[in-house]
């Protein structure tokens, strides 16, 4: 079965609201063996709704519509669909009873104005929305299913989970789909594709490999998707190919599914009973932000020093003035002293220190924008790396954060051997 998702709303088209419904719905449909063929975002007009609906019905078997089911004048979806399917609106008592129950939770009673909300197309299957005022509507034509839901994400999720998907499963049979995601950093999409050429060539026709790069932070997700009828066969088959990825990619893999570098590093530090501190110049606290986004990080993370000025580098972290004078703030020597100073100041086993030119200005011929030095430590050991990134300030901050975290991960794994002294 192929599906179209139609999201209605001028607020989405003008960028006032982010369309989270489409991504969530597509994920859930895919998990249930339904392939999304088309996603449309359209205006709150009758012409746009009808045009999108006809395109969707011609191309796919299932059409899921969100938005435009409120009481204001711009909410015209219900009337448009009622006319399109040649039906009439009639008062639907169960929908009004649901509305009364919702109001009762707040000590209120819906007046006659809200009876319009309970008018539903006579001939459509009504999907009671227990977390919102607007019921969903299920239409069928020539074997095609068209479902209309309100646009509020919480209500979309309720109706999809408790009404739409259960009804689809009762009416249709879907193939099984299984996914496995590997998270990789240190190589770009092109390099990874070259490394995995032979691996991809040996994949059976029912297993696909997708590359999902996030160039802003420098991470690529590799997703293996297996399609078939027998879940147990798919599990065995997918597991066979999952095991073949680590020998090819090695330490480029830092996790699976929703793992993040900061979470993986936290687990490594906890296992070793290590503590961590950070000293950041050009990243301005972004590394600390990532680390502290993980619940329970207080068990291993001590603090961060935002050493943006040379004075802070010198007076708080103990970077020698002669180091700054001779080599500058953006240098290997400086980040080494920043890292060592962080260990001493915070009494931690491990430290991350960064200093560089994030941009878009401030560079020089010797140290152009995007020149950044990183140091990571584990007790007495220390490792440094010079980065040459681009001119986009935000991307430089995000990429440096990813690289610094990954360097610490690899250093703890003994995957980096060149030590700076």
Protein backbone atom coordinates (compact mmCIF):
# COMPACT_ATOMS: atom_id res chain seq x y z
CA UNK A 1 0.00 0.00 0.00
CA UNK A 2 1.20 3.49 -0.90
CA UNK A 3 0.16 6.58 1.02
CA UNK A 4 -0.05 10.33 0.59
CA UNK A 5 0.17 12.73 3.51
CA UNK A 6 -1.57 16.08 3.05
CA UNK A 7 -0.97 18.76 5.68
CA UNK A 8 -3.27 21.78 5.43
CA UNK A 9 -2.36 25.16 6.83
CA UNK A 10 -1.17 28.58 5.72
CA UNK A 11 0.83 28.75 8.97
CA UNK A 12 3.01 25.90 7.67
CA UNK A 13 3.46 27.44 4.23
CA UNK A 14 4.68 30.76 5.62
CA UNK A 15 7.08 29.08 8.02
CA UNK A 16 5.22 30.11 11.17
CA UNK A 17 4.77 26.49 12.26
CA UNK A 18 7.12 23.58 11.61
CA UNK A 19 5.39 20.61 9.99
CA UNK A 20 6.22 17.91 12.51
CA UNK A 21 3.09 15.91 11.64
CA UNK A 22 4.43 14.76 8.28
CA UNK A 23 7.67 13.34 9.68
CA UNK A 24 5.96 11.55 12.55
CA UNK A 25 3.20 10.13 10.36
CA UNK A 26 5.65 8.94 7.70
CA UNK A 27 7.72 7.14 10.33
CA UNK A 28 4.68 5.36 11.79
CA UNK A 29 3.32 4.38 8.38
CA UNK A 30 6.68 2.99 7.35
CA UNK A 31 6.93 0.98 10.57
CA UNK A 32 3.63 -0.63 9.66
CA UNK A 33 4.59 -1.59 6.12
CA UNK A 34 2.94 1.37 4.36
CA UNK A 35 5.18 3.26 1.93
CA UNK A 36 4.76 7.03 1.76
CA UNK A 37 4.79 8.08 -1.88
CA UNK A 38 3.92 11.75 -1.56
CA UNK A 39 3.85 14.48 1.11
CA UNK A 40 1.97 17.69 0.32
CA UNK A 41 1.61 20.91 2.29
CA UNK A 42 -1.24 23.03 1.01
CA UNK A 43 -3.17 26.23 1.70
CA UNK A 44 -6.49 26.51 3.53
CA UNK A 45 -8.54 26.78 0.33
CA UNK A 46 -11.13 24.54 -1.25
CA UNK A 47 -9.26 24.51 -4.56
CA UNK A 48 -6.00 23.43 -2.94
CA UNK A 49 -7.68 20.66 -0.94
CA UNK A 50 -9.55 19.25 -3.95
CA UNK A 51 -6.51 19.42 -6.25
CA UNK A 52 -4.30 17.70 -3.68
CA UNK A 53 -6.94 15.07 -2.95
CA UNK A 54 -7.40 14.15 -6.61
CA UNK A 55 -3.65 13.92 -7.16
CA UNK A 56 -3.29 11.72 -4.07
CA UNK A 57 -6.17 9.40 -4.95
CA UNK A 58 -4.81 8.94 -8.47
CA UNK A 59 -1.35 7.97 -7.18
CA UNK A 60 -1.88 6.17 -3.88
CA UNK A 61 -4.21 3.87 -1.96
CA UNK A 62 -4.28 5.77 1.32
CA UNK A 63 -4.62 9.52 1.87
CA UNK A 64 -4.07 11.01 5.32
CA UNK A 65 -5.09 14.66 5.75
CA UNK A 66 -4.40 16.88 8.76
CA UNK A 67 -5.64 20.36 9.57
CA UNK A 68 -8.64 22.59 9.00
CA UNK A 69 -11.19 20.95 11.33
CA UNK A 70 -11.69 23.79 13.81
CA UNK A 71 -14.55 26.25 14.23
CA UNK A 72 -12.99 29.32 12.62
CA UNK A 73 -13.76 30.50 9.09
CA UNK A 74 -10.43 29.29 7.70
CA UNK A 75 -11.17 25.71 8.81
CA UNK A 76 -12.91 24.47 5.67
CA UNK A 77 -11.64 20.90 5.39
CA UNK A 78 -14.74 19.16 6.74
CA UNK A 79 -17.14 21.06 4.47
CA UNK A 80 -14.89 20.57 1.43
CA UNK A 81 -14.58 16.80 1.98
CA UNK A 82 -18.32 16.48 2.65
CA UNK A 83 -19.08 18.14 -0.68
CA UNK A 84 -16.36 16.21 -2.52
CA UNK A 85 -17.81 12.85 -1.47
CA UNK A 86 -21.40 13.94 -2.09
CA UNK A 87 -22.51 13.73 1.53
CA UNK A 88 -24.39 15.96 3.96
CA UNK A 89 -23.39 17.16 7.40
CA UNK A 90 -25.53 15.80 10.24
CA UNK A 91 -25.32 16.13 13.99
CA UNK A 92 -23.26 13.27 15.43
CA UNK A 93 -24.20 12.65 19.06
CA UNK A 94 -21.10 10.59 20.03
CA UNK A 95 -18.83 13.44 18.87
CA UNK A 96 -20.79 15.96 20.95
CA UNK A 97 -20.76 13.63 23.96
CA UNK A 98 -16.98 13.41 23.63
CA UNK A 99 -16.85 17.21 23.52
CA UNK A 100 -18.94 17.44 26.68
CA UNK A 101 -16.60 15.05 28.49
CA UNK A 102 -13.57 17.11 27.47
CA UNK A 103 -15.20 20.32 28.70
CA UNK A 104 -16.24 18.66 31.96
CA UNK A 105 -12.58 18.11 32.83
CA UNK A 106 -12.27 21.90 33.13
CA UNK A 107 -15.63 22.45 34.81
CA UNK A 108 -17.23 23.80 31.64
CA UNK A 109 -20.20 22.94 29.43
CA UNK A 110 -20.15 23.41 25.64
CA UNK A 111 -22.91 25.69 24.40
CA UNK A 112 -24.84 25.45 21.12
CA UNK A 113 -21.96 26.99 19.17
CA UNK A 114 -20.02 23.79 19.64
CA UNK A 115 -22.74 21.64 18.10
CA UNK A 116 -21.35 22.68 14.72
CA UNK A 117 -18.12 20.92 15.73
CA UNK A 118 -20.14 17.72 16.15
CA UNK A 119 -21.66 17.86 12.67
CA UNK A 120 -20.10 15.07 10.63
CA UNK A 121 -20.48 13.81 7.02
CA UNK A 122 -23.34 11.33 6.91
CA UNK A 123 -21.82 8.22 5.33
CA UNK A 124 -18.27 8.64 6.63
CA UNK A 125 -16.85 6.60 9.50
CA UNK A 126 -16.36 8.93 12.45
CA UNK A 127 -13.18 8.53 14.50
CA UNK A 128 -13.74 9.82 18.04
CA UNK A 129 -10.87 12.00 19.19
CA UNK A 130 -10.65 11.56 22.96
CA UNK A 131 -7.89 14.17 23.36
CA UNK A 132 -9.44 16.94 21.27
CA UNK A 133 -12.64 18.61 20.11
CA UNK A 134 -12.58 17.60 16.43
CA UNK A 135 -13.41 14.03 15.42
CA UNK A 136 -11.61 12.37 12.56
CA UNK A 137 -13.34 11.23 9.36
CA UNK A 138 -12.79 8.05 7.34
CA UNK A 139 -13.96 8.00 3.70
CA UNK A 140 -13.68 5.21 1.13
CA UNK A 141 -13.94 5.37 -2.66
CA UNK A 142 -13.03 2.68 -5.22
CA UNK A 143 -10.97 0.76 -2.70
CA UNK A 144 -9.08 3.90 -1.62
CA UNK A 145 -9.12 5.17 1.97
CA UNK A 146 -9.10 8.88 2.81
CA UNK A 147 -8.78 9.95 6.44
CA UNK A 148 -9.08 13.51 7.75
CA UNK A 149 -7.72 14.46 11.18
CA UNK A 150 -7.19 17.71 13.10
CA UNK A 151 -3.77 19.32 12.77
CA UNK A 152 -2.75 19.45 16.45
CA UNK A 153 0.16 16.98 16.76
CA UNK A 154 -1.07 15.43 20.01
CA UNK A 155 -4.46 14.72 18.42
CA UNK A 156 -2.89 13.35 15.22
CA UNK A 157 -0.83 10.91 17.29
CA UNK A 158 -3.86 9.77 19.27
CA UNK A 159 -6.04 9.16 16.21
CA UNK A 160 -3.24 7.43 14.30
CA UNK A 161 -2.42 5.13 17.21
CA UNK A 162 -5.93 4.24 18.40
CA UNK A 163 -8.11 4.64 15.32
CA UNK A 164 -6.39 4.90 11.94
CA UNK A 165 -3.70 2.22 12.15
CA UNK A 166 -5.89 -0.36 13.96
CA UNK A 167 -8.64 0.10 11.34
CA UNK A 168 -6.16 -0.20 8.48
CA UNK A 169 -4.72 -3.41 9.94
CA UNK A 170 -8.20 -4.92 10.23
CA UNK A 171 -9.02 -4.07 6.63
CA UNK A 172 -5.69 -4.69 4.85
CA UNK A 173 -2.63 -6.89 5.08
CA UNK A 174 0.76 -5.20 4.99
CA UNK A 175 4.26 -6.56 4.43
CA UNK A 176 6.74 -6.40 7.30
CA UNK A 177 9.45 -3.76 7.38
CA UNK A 178 12.44 -3.83 9.70
CA UNK A 179 15.07 -1.11 10.11
CA UNK A 180 18.50 -0.99 11.69
CA UNK A 181 20.42 2.27 11.92
CA UNK A 182 24.16 2.70 12.44
CA UNK A 183 25.53 6.11 13.42
CA UNK A 184 28.86 7.08 11.91
CA UNK A 185 31.20 10.06 12.12
CA UNK A 186 34.68 10.74 10.81
CA UNK A 187 33.91 10.11 7.14
CA UNK A 188 31.52 11.75 4.72
CA UNK A 189 28.78 10.16 2.65
CA UNK A 190 30.97 9.76 -0.46
CA UNK A 191 33.82 8.07 1.41
CA UNK A 192 31.41 5.77 3.22
CA UNK A 193 29.74 4.77 -0.04
CA UNK A 194 33.15 3.84 -1.45
CA UNK A 195 34.00 1.81 1.65
CA UNK A 196 30.67 -0.01 1.46
CA UNK A 197 30.64 -0.71 -2.29
CA UNK A 198 31.23 -4.45 -1.92
CA UNK A 199 28.85 -4.65 1.06
CA UNK A 200 26.05 -3.04 -0.95
CA UNK A 201 26.68 -5.26 -3.97
CA UNK A 202 26.08 -8.34 -1.83
CA UNK A 203 22.80 -7.13 -0.34
CA UNK A 204 19.74 -9.13 -1.42
CA UNK A 205 17.03 -7.30 -3.33
CA UNK A 206 14.76 -6.98 -0.28
CA UNK A 207 17.36 -5.13 1.83
CA UNK A 208 18.24 -1.52 1.06
CA UNK A 209 20.99 0.69 2.47
CA UNK A 210 20.21 4.40 2.86
CA UNK A 211 22.70 7.18 3.63
CA UNK A 212 21.27 9.92 5.87
CA UNK A 213 23.93 12.63 6.31
CA UNK A 214 23.71 15.60 8.64
CA UNK A 215 26.38 17.89 7.23
CA UNK A 216 25.82 20.53 9.91
CA UNK A 217 27.13 18.31 12.70
CA UNK A 218 29.22 15.90 10.62
CA UNK A 219 27.29 12.69 11.25
CA UNK A 220 25.95 10.10 8.81
CA UNK A 221 23.25 7.60 9.72
CA UNK A 222 23.30 4.37 7.74
CA UNK A 223 19.92 2.67 7.67
CA UNK A 224 19.41 -0.93 6.60
CA UNK A 225 15.77 -1.65 5.70
CA UNK A 226 14.50 -5.18 5.14
CA UNK A 227 11.15 -5.89 3.44
CA UNK A 228 9.26 -9.18 3.45
CA UNK A 229 6.35 -11.21 4.76
CA UNK A 230 7.96 -13.26 7.54
CA UNK A 231 9.24 -11.21 10.50
CA UNK A 232 11.49 -13.98 11.82
CA UNK A 233 13.12 -14.47 8.42
CA UNK A 234 13.71 -10.73 8.17
CA UNK A 235 15.26 -10.59 11.64
CA UNK A 236 17.70 -13.38 10.78
CA UNK A 237 18.52 -11.87 7.42
CA UNK A 238 19.02 -8.36 8.78
CA UNK A 239 21.16 -9.57 11.67
CA UNK A 240 23.45 -11.32 9.18
CA UNK A 241 24.21 -8.07 7.36
CA UNK A 242 24.36 -5.95 10.50
CA UNK A 243 27.28 -8.07 11.68
CA UNK A 244 29.18 -7.28 8.49
CA UNK A 245 29.24 -3.51 9.05
CA UNK A 246 31.71 -3.21 11.99
CA UNK A 247 34.53 -5.08 10.19
CA UNK A 248 34.23 -2.59 7.32
CA UNK A 249 33.66 0.65 9.24
CA UNK A 250 35.47 -0.07 12.50
CA UNK A 251 35.56 2.80 15.00
CA UNK A 252 33.74 5.11 12.60
CA UNK A 253 30.62 3.56 14.13
CA UNK A 254 29.79 5.22 17.43
CA UNK A 255 26.31 3.89 18.07
CA UNK A 256 23.03 2.63 16.73
CA UNK A 257 19.49 3.92 16.32
CA UNK A 258 19.10 7.05 18.49
CA UNK A 259 22.51 6.89 20.19
CA UNK A 260 24.36 10.18 20.40
CA UNK A 261 28.07 10.77 20.89
CA UNK A 262 27.46 12.49 24.19
CA UNK A 263 25.43 9.57 25.50
CA UNK A 264 27.99 7.01 24.32
CA UNK A 265 30.83 8.98 25.94
CA UNK A 266 28.87 9.22 29.18
CA UNK A 267 28.52 5.44 29.29
CA UNK A 268 32.25 5.03 28.65
CA UNK A 269 33.14 7.46 31.44
CA UNK A 270 30.78 5.78 33.87
CA UNK A 271 32.24 2.36 33.11
CA UNK A 272 35.76 3.65 33.79
CA UNK A 273 34.65 5.75 36.77
CA UNK A 274 36.19 8.79 35.08
CA UNK A 275 35.27 12.43 35.40
CA UNK A 276 35.28 15.00 32.60
CA UNK A 277 35.69 18.76 32.28
CA UNK A 278 35.73 21.02 29.23
CA UNK A 279 37.46 24.25 28.24
CA UNK A 280 35.90 25.99 25.25
CA UNK A 281 36.85 29.06 23.32
CA UNK A 282 35.38 29.11 19.81
CA UNK A 283 32.53 26.67 20.59
CA UNK A 284 31.28 28.90 23.40
CA UNK A 285 29.88 26.14 25.61
CA UNK A 286 28.30 23.99 22.90
CA UNK A 287 30.32 20.92 23.92
CA UNK A 288 29.16 21.36 27.52
CA UNK A 289 25.59 21.80 26.29
CA UNK A 290 25.72 18.48 24.43
CA UNK A 291 27.21 16.63 27.39
CA UNK A 292 24.72 18.04 29.89
CA UNK A 293 21.76 17.20 27.64
CA UNK A 294 22.19 13.60 28.84
CA UNK A 295 20.27 12.73 32.00
CA UNK A 296 22.57 11.56 34.76
CA UNK A 297 25.65 13.35 33.42
CA UNK A 298 26.36 14.76 36.89
CA UNK A 299 27.84 11.36 37.73
CA UNK A 300 30.83 12.06 35.48
CA UNK A 301 30.74 15.69 34.26
CA UNK A 302 32.20 18.36 36.52
CA UNK A 303 32.14 21.74 34.80
CA UNK A 304 33.05 23.86 31.80
CA UNK A 305 35.24 26.92 31.45
CA UNK A 306 34.24 29.25 28.60
CA UNK A 307 37.71 30.64 28.04
CA UNK A 308 36.90 33.04 25.25
CA UNK A 309 39.50 35.67 26.12
CA UNK A 310 43.22 35.18 26.43
CA UNK A 311 43.02 36.59 29.95
CA UNK A 312 40.73 33.74 31.05
CA UNK A 313 42.93 31.19 29.32
CA UNK A 314 45.90 32.58 31.22
CA UNK A 315 44.45 33.48 34.63
CA UNK A 316 41.98 30.64 35.11
CA UNK A 317 43.42 27.75 33.09
CA UNK A 318 47.08 28.54 33.53
CA UNK A 319 48.03 29.00 29.87
CA UNK A 320 51.45 30.65 29.88
CA UNK A 321 51.66 34.19 28.57
CA UNK A 322 54.74 33.24 26.55
CA UNK A 323 52.70 30.46 24.89
CA UNK A 324 50.06 32.98 23.85
CA UNK A 325 52.69 35.48 22.71
CA UNK A 326 54.74 32.97 20.73
CA UNK A 327 52.08 30.64 19.32
CA UNK A 328 48.78 32.51 19.72
CA UNK A 329 45.45 31.40 21.18
CA UNK A 330 44.75 29.20 18.16
CA UNK A 331 47.59 26.73 18.48
CA UNK A 332 48.41 23.22 19.57
CA UNK A 333 50.49 24.51 22.45
CA UNK A 334 47.60 26.59 23.80
CA UNK A 335 44.97 23.82 23.71
CA UNK A 336 47.42 21.44 25.41
CA UNK A 337 47.85 23.91 28.26
CA UNK A 338 44.08 24.57 28.32
CA UNK A 339 43.38 20.85 28.65
CA UNK A 340 46.00 20.34 31.34
CA UNK A 341 44.77 23.43 33.15
CA UNK A 342 41.21 22.07 33.07
CA UNK A 343 42.34 18.77 34.58
CA UNK A 344 44.12 20.61 37.37
CA UNK A 345 41.43 23.21 38.00
CA UNK A 346 38.53 20.75 38.06
CA UNK A 347 40.44 17.70 39.32
CA UNK A 348 39.14 15.49 36.48
CA UNK A 349 40.51 12.44 34.66
CA UNK A 350 39.57 13.66 31.19
CA UNK A 351 39.36 17.03 29.52
CA UNK A 352 38.37 18.48 26.16
CA UNK A 353 39.83 21.82 25.09
CA UNK A 354 39.14 23.76 21.89
CA UNK A 355 40.38 27.07 20.51
CA UNK A 356 39.99 28.39 16.99
CA UNK A 357 38.57 30.86 14.50
CA UNK A 358 34.87 30.06 14.10
CA UNK A 359 34.28 32.94 11.67
CA UNK A 360 33.00 34.46 9.57
CA UNK A 361 35.72 37.03 10.35
CA UNK A 362 38.89 37.03 12.41
CA UNK A 363 41.08 34.80 10.28
CA UNK A 364 44.56 35.46 8.94
CA UNK A 365 46.68 34.01 6.10
CA UNK A 366 48.39 31.74 8.62
CA UNK A 367 45.19 30.85 10.48
CA UNK A 368 42.19 31.29 8.17
CA UNK A 369 38.59 31.04 9.31
CA UNK A 370 37.83 27.44 10.20
CA UNK A 371 41.24 26.78 11.77
CA UNK A 372 40.56 25.07 15.09
CA UNK A 373 42.72 23.10 17.50
CA UNK A 374 41.31 20.36 19.73
CA UNK A 375 42.95 18.55 22.64
CA UNK A 376 41.60 15.57 24.59
CA UNK A 377 43.13 13.99 27.66
CA UNK A 378 42.87 10.80 29.67
CA UNK A 379 44.89 11.11 32.86
CA UNK A 380 48.50 11.61 31.69
CA UNK A 381 47.81 10.95 28.01
CA UNK A 382 46.92 13.74 25.61
CA UNK A 383 45.97 13.90 21.94
CA UNK A 384 45.63 16.93 19.70
CA UNK A 385 44.21 17.56 16.24
CA UNK A 386 44.12 20.55 13.95
CA UNK A 387 40.88 21.15 12.03
CA UNK A 388 40.50 23.08 8.79
CA UNK A 389 36.78 23.68 8.43
CA UNK A 390 34.78 26.17 6.36
CA UNK A 391 33.55 29.72 6.82
CA UNK A 392 30.10 29.05 8.27
CA UNK A 393 30.27 29.98 11.95
CA UNK A 394 27.41 27.82 13.21
CA UNK A 395 28.55 24.82 11.21
CA UNK A 396 32.09 25.24 12.49
CA UNK A 397 30.82 25.23 16.07
CA UNK A 398 28.68 22.13 15.51
CA UNK A 399 31.31 20.24 13.54
CA UNK A 400 34.01 21.04 16.10
CA UNK A 401 31.73 19.80 18.87
CA UNK A 402 31.16 16.50 17.08
CA UNK A 403 34.84 16.04 16.25
CA UNK A 404 35.95 16.86 19.80
CA UNK A 405 33.49 14.43 21.35
CA UNK A 406 34.44 11.76 18.86
CA UNK A 407 38.16 12.28 19.52
CA UNK A 408 37.57 11.66 23.21
CA UNK A 409 35.57 8.52 22.39
CA UNK A 410 38.30 7.17 20.14
CA UNK A 411 41.03 8.14 22.61
CA UNK A 412 39.26 6.20 25.37
CA UNK A 413 39.05 3.24 22.97
CA UNK A 414 42.82 3.48 22.33
CA UNK A 415 42.00 4.10 18.69
CA UNK A 416 44.30 7.14 18.55
CA UNK A 417 47.99 6.53 19.05
CA UNK A 418 49.85 9.77 18.28
CA UNK A 419 50.32 11.58 21.58
CA UNK A 420 51.33 15.21 21.84
CA UNK A 421 53.94 16.15 24.41
